[in-house]
Amino acid sequence: MYKKMYDDLMSFKAKYGHCDVTRTGENTSLGSWCSNLRVSYKKIQNNQKPNIKISDEKIQRLNDAGFKWSRQGNFHNRFNDLMAFKAKYGHCDVPFTGDYISLGHWCSEMVRSSYKKIQNNQKPNMKLF
């Protein structure tokens, strides 16, 4: 299972330029696997029994791939990227192509869909401040 999910993660990274998979949209199972990895890693760090056994070799392989073990601060980093895009182009309508595919995906899937859910009194995909 690990090999297949790792391969899926590398395909996601090739497409979007990062390993920050969400648990919503078309990558639900991959996002859940990534979330479970983070929970297990945190438990390992706290000398607790992890949900998923992760060897040091697998941890290093994920680190080498750019996997982030914590999602804290990601919103602020991406928000800063969006502000830099706006300063350069004068708008926040980020395309899904070229150098901005990752940022465009984040704006659409995370921010816009979270905002819509908040407007409909539903739980958002992510906290917006």
C-alpha atoms as a PDB file:
ATOM      1  CA  MET A   1       0.000   0.000   0.000  1.00  0.00           C
ATOM      2  CA  TYR A   2       2.791   2.438   0.894  1.00  0.00           C
ATOM      3  CA  LYS A   3       4.440   2.085  -2.535  1.00  0.00           C
ATOM      4  CA  LYS A   4       1.204   2.780  -4.404  1.00  0.00           C
ATOM      5  CA  MET A   5       0.345   5.796  -2.239  1.00  0.00           C
ATOM      6  CA  TYR A   6       3.911   7.112  -2.470  1.00  0.00           C
ATOM      7  CA  ASP A   7       3.776   6.764  -6.266  1.00  0.00           C
ATOM      8  CA  ASP A   8       0.417   8.598  -6.268  1.00  0.00           C
ATOM      9  CA  LEU A   9       1.990  11.333  -4.144  1.00  0.00           C
ATOM     10  CA  MET A  10       4.853  11.700  -6.629  1.00  0.00           C
ATOM     11  CA  SER A  11       2.329  11.937  -9.487  1.00  0.00           C
ATOM     12  CA  PHE A  12       0.461  14.628  -7.556  1.00  0.00           C
ATOM     13  CA  LYS A  13       3.726  16.510  -6.977  1.00  0.00           C
ATOM     14  CA  ALA A  14       4.612  16.299 -10.673  1.00  0.00           C
ATOM     15  CA  LYS A  15       1.221  17.783 -11.550  1.00  0.00           C
ATOM     16  CA  TYR A  16       0.896  20.467  -8.844  1.00  0.00           C
ATOM     17  CA  GLY A  17       4.484  21.154  -7.800  1.00  0.00           C
ATOM     18  CA  HIS A  18       4.038  20.264  -4.124  1.00  0.00           C
ATOM     19  CA  CYS A  19       3.067  17.413  -1.768  1.00  0.00           C
ATOM     20  CA  ASP A  20       0.388  19.291   0.186  1.00  0.00           C
ATOM     21  CA  VAL A  21      -2.567  17.078  -0.746  1.00  0.00           C
ATOM     22  CA  THR A  22      -5.954  17.961   0.727  1.00  0.00           C
ATOM     23  CA  ARG A  23      -8.599  15.472   1.790  1.00  0.00           C
ATOM     24  CA  THR A  24     -11.164  16.986  -0.543  1.00  0.00           C
ATOM     25  CA  GLY A  25     -11.779  16.818  -4.269  1.00  0.00           C
ATOM     26  CA  GLU A  26     -10.445  14.125  -6.537  1.00  0.00           C
ATOM     27  CA  ASN A  27      -7.520  13.194  -4.266  1.00  0.00           C
ATOM     28  CA  THR A  28      -9.490  12.264  -1.149  1.00  0.00           C
ATOM     29  CA  SER A  29      -7.780   8.939  -0.453  1.00  0.00           C
ATOM     30  CA  LEU A  30      -4.297  10.362  -1.084  1.00  0.00           C
ATOM     31  CA  GLY A  31      -5.052  13.357   1.144  1.00  0.00           C
ATOM     32  CA  SER A  32      -6.300  11.072   3.905  1.00  0.00           C
ATOM     33  CA  TRP A  33      -3.147   8.958   3.614  1.00  0.00           C
ATOM     34  CA  CYS A  34      -0.984  12.091   3.913  1.00  0.00           C
ATOM     35  CA  SER A  35      -2.982  13.243   6.931  1.00  0.00           C
ATOM     36  CA  ASN A  36      -2.584   9.819   8.559  1.00  0.00           C
ATOM     37  CA  LEU A  37       1.170   9.967   7.884  1.00  0.00           C
ATOM     38  CA  ARG A  38       1.352  13.322   9.670  1.00  0.00           C
ATOM     39  CA  VAL A  39      -0.599  12.012  12.663  1.00  0.00           C
ATOM     40  CA  SER A  40       1.581   8.891  12.835  1.00  0.00           C
ATOM     41  CA  TYR A  41       4.782  10.925  12.541  1.00  0.00           C
ATOM     42  CA  LYS A  42       3.667  13.185  15.394  1.00  0.00           C
ATOM     43  CA  LYS A  43       2.906  10.111  17.524  1.00  0.00           C
ATOM     44  CA  ILE A  44       6.351   8.687  16.736  1.00  0.00           C
ATOM     45  CA  GLN A  45       7.902  11.982  17.828  1.00  0.00           C
ATOM     46  CA  ASN A  46       5.949  11.756  21.105  1.00  0.00           C
ATOM     47  CA  ASN A  47       6.937   8.100  21.710  1.00  0.00           C
ATOM     48  CA  GLN A  48       3.378   6.904  21.107  1.00  0.00           C
ATOM     49  CA  LYS A  49       2.130   4.058  18.941  1.00  0.00           C
ATOM     50  CA  PRO A  50       1.530   5.384  15.395  1.00  0.00           C
ATOM     51  CA  ASN A  51      -1.511   4.572  13.270  1.00  0.00           C
ATOM     52  CA  ILE A  52       0.808   3.802  10.352  1.00  0.00           C
ATOM     53  CA  LYS A  53       4.278   2.328  10.858  1.00  0.00           C
ATOM     54  CA  ILE A  54       6.812   4.524   9.084  1.00  0.00           C
ATOM     55  CA  SER A  55      10.431   3.447   8.932  1.00  0.00           C
ATOM     56  CA  ASP A  56      13.263   5.968   9.126  1.00  0.00           C
ATOM     57  CA  GLU A  57      13.996   5.164   5.470  1.00  0.00           C
ATOM     58  CA  LYS A  58      10.421   6.014   4.432  1.00  0.00           C
ATOM     59  CA  ILE A  59      10.509   9.210   6.492  1.00  0.00           C
ATOM     60  CA  GLN A  60      13.728  10.237   4.754  1.00  0.00           C
ATOM     61  CA  ARG A  61      12.285   9.395   1.343  1.00  0.00           C
ATOM     62  CA  LEU A  62       9.237  11.566   2.060  1.00  0.00           C
ATOM     63  CA  ASN A  63      11.486  14.366   3.342  1.00  0.00           C
ATOM     64  CA  ASP A  64      13.553  14.164   0.153  1.00  0.00           C
ATOM     65  CA  ALA A  65      10.346  14.444  -1.883  1.00  0.00           C
ATOM     66  CA  GLY A  66       9.406  17.664  -0.081  1.00  0.00           C
ATOM     67  CA  PHE A  67       6.661  16.217   2.103  1.00  0.00           C
ATOM     68  CA  LYS A  68       5.756  18.576   4.968  1.00  0.00           C
ATOM     69  CA  TRP A  69       5.048  16.880   8.286  1.00  0.00           C
ATOM     70  CA  SER A  70       3.099  19.877   9.532  1.00  0.00           C
ATOM     71  CA  ARG A  71       0.619  21.999   7.629  1.00  0.00           C
ATOM     72  CA  GLN A  72       1.017  24.935  10.017  1.00  0.00           C
ATOM     73  CA  GLY A  73       2.055  28.098   8.287  1.00  0.00           C
ATOM     74  CA  ASN A  74       1.095  26.809   4.859  1.00  0.00           C
ATOM     75  CA  PHE A  75      -1.826  29.240   4.582  1.00  0.00           C
ATOM     76  CA  HIS A  76       0.432  32.209   5.275  1.00  0.00           C
ATOM     77  CA  ASN A  77       3.059  31.018   2.803  1.00  0.00           C
ATOM     78  CA  ARG A  78       0.499  30.543   0.043  1.00  0.00           C
ATOM     79  CA  PHE A  79      -1.194  33.844   0.930  1.00  0.00           C
ATOM     80  CA  ASN A  80       2.168  35.593   0.528  1.00  0.00           C
ATOM     81  CA  ASP A  81       2.558  33.885  -2.854  1.00  0.00           C
ATOM     82  CA  LEU A  82      -0.885  35.191  -3.819  1.00  0.00           C
ATOM     83  CA  MET A  83       0.008  38.731  -2.744  1.00  0.00           C
ATOM     84  CA  ALA A  84       3.205  38.572  -4.827  1.00  0.00           C
ATOM     85  CA  PHE A  85       1.127  37.394  -7.811  1.00  0.00           C
ATOM     86  CA  LYS A  86      -1.320  40.282  -7.274  1.00  0.00           C
ATOM     87  CA  ALA A  87       1.512  42.813  -7.019  1.00  0.00           C
ATOM     88  CA  LYS A  88       2.906  41.570 -10.332  1.00  0.00           C
ATOM     89  CA  TYR A  89      -0.349  41.152 -12.300  1.00  0.00           C
ATOM     90  CA  GLY A  90      -2.844  43.417 -10.495  1.00  0.00           C
ATOM     91  CA  HIS A  91      -5.411  40.672  -9.798  1.00  0.00           C
ATOM     92  CA  CYS A  92      -5.899  37.394  -7.932  1.00  0.00           C
ATOM     93  CA  ASP A  93      -7.293  35.318 -10.810  1.00  0.00           C
ATOM     94  CA  VAL A  94      -4.434  32.824 -10.776  1.00  0.00           C
ATOM     95  CA  PRO A  95      -4.263  30.474 -13.786  1.00  0.00           C
ATOM     96  CA  PHE A  96      -4.015  26.695 -13.584  1.00  0.00           C
ATOM     97  CA  THR A  97      -1.119  26.616 -16.036  1.00  0.00           C
ATOM     98  CA  GLY A  98       2.565  27.343 -16.220  1.00  0.00           C
ATOM     99  CA  ASP A  99       4.474  28.563 -13.213  1.00  0.00           C
ATOM    100  CA  TYR A 100       1.293  29.210 -11.232  1.00  0.00           C
ATOM    101  CA  ILE A 101      -0.450  25.822 -11.410  1.00  0.00           C
ATOM    102  CA  SER A 102       0.142  25.090  -7.722  1.00  0.00           C
ATOM    103  CA  LEU A 103      -1.043  28.517  -6.558  1.00  0.00           C
ATOM    104  CA  GLY A 104      -4.047  28.403  -8.889  1.00  0.00           C
ATOM    105  CA  HIS A 105      -5.038  25.029  -7.478  1.00  0.00           C
ATOM    106  CA  TRP A 106      -4.702  26.335  -3.915  1.00  0.00           C
ATOM    107  CA  CYS A 107      -6.851  29.388  -4.661  1.00  0.00           C
ATOM    108  CA  SER A 108      -9.595  27.363  -6.275  1.00  0.00           C
ATOM    109  CA  GLU A 109      -9.707  24.188  -4.247  1.00  0.00           C
ATOM    110  CA  MET A 110      -8.843  25.508  -0.835  1.00  0.00           C
ATOM    111  CA  VAL A 111      -9.725  29.168  -0.496  1.00  0.00           C
ATOM    112  CA  ARG A 112     -12.722  29.532  -2.814  1.00  0.00           C
ATOM    113  CA  SER A 113     -14.352  26.240  -1.861  1.00  0.00           C
ATOM    114  CA  SER A 114     -13.751  26.958   1.853  1.00  0.00           C
ATOM    115  CA  TYR A 115     -15.296  30.398   1.476  1.00  0.00           C
ATOM    116  CA  LYS A 116     -18.369  28.914  -0.250  1.00  0.00           C
ATOM    117  CA  LYS A 117     -18.769  26.373   2.543  1.00  0.00           C
ATOM    118  CA  ILE A 118     -18.550  29.095   5.189  1.00  0.00           C
ATOM    119  CA  GLN A 119     -21.228  31.059   3.334  1.00  0.00           C
ATOM    120  CA  ASN A 120     -23.456  27.950   3.394  1.00  0.00           C
ATOM    121  CA  ASN A 121     -22.832  27.321   7.118  1.00  0.00           C
ATOM    122  CA  GLN A 122     -20.770  24.228   6.354  1.00  0.00           C
ATOM    123  CA  LYS A 123     -17.371  23.201   7.693  1.00  0.00           C
ATOM    124  CA  PRO A 124     -14.649  24.692   5.456  1.00  0.00           C
ATOM    125  CA  ASN A 125     -11.757  22.722   3.983  1.00  0.00           C
ATOM    126  CA  MET A 126      -9.378  25.026   5.808  1.00  0.00           C
ATOM    127  CA  LYS A 127      -9.523  27.865   8.300  1.00  0.00           C
ATOM    128  CA  LEU A 128      -9.431  31.269   6.675  1.00  0.00           C
ATOM    129  CA  PHE A 129      -7.624  33.256   9.371  1.00  0.00           C
END
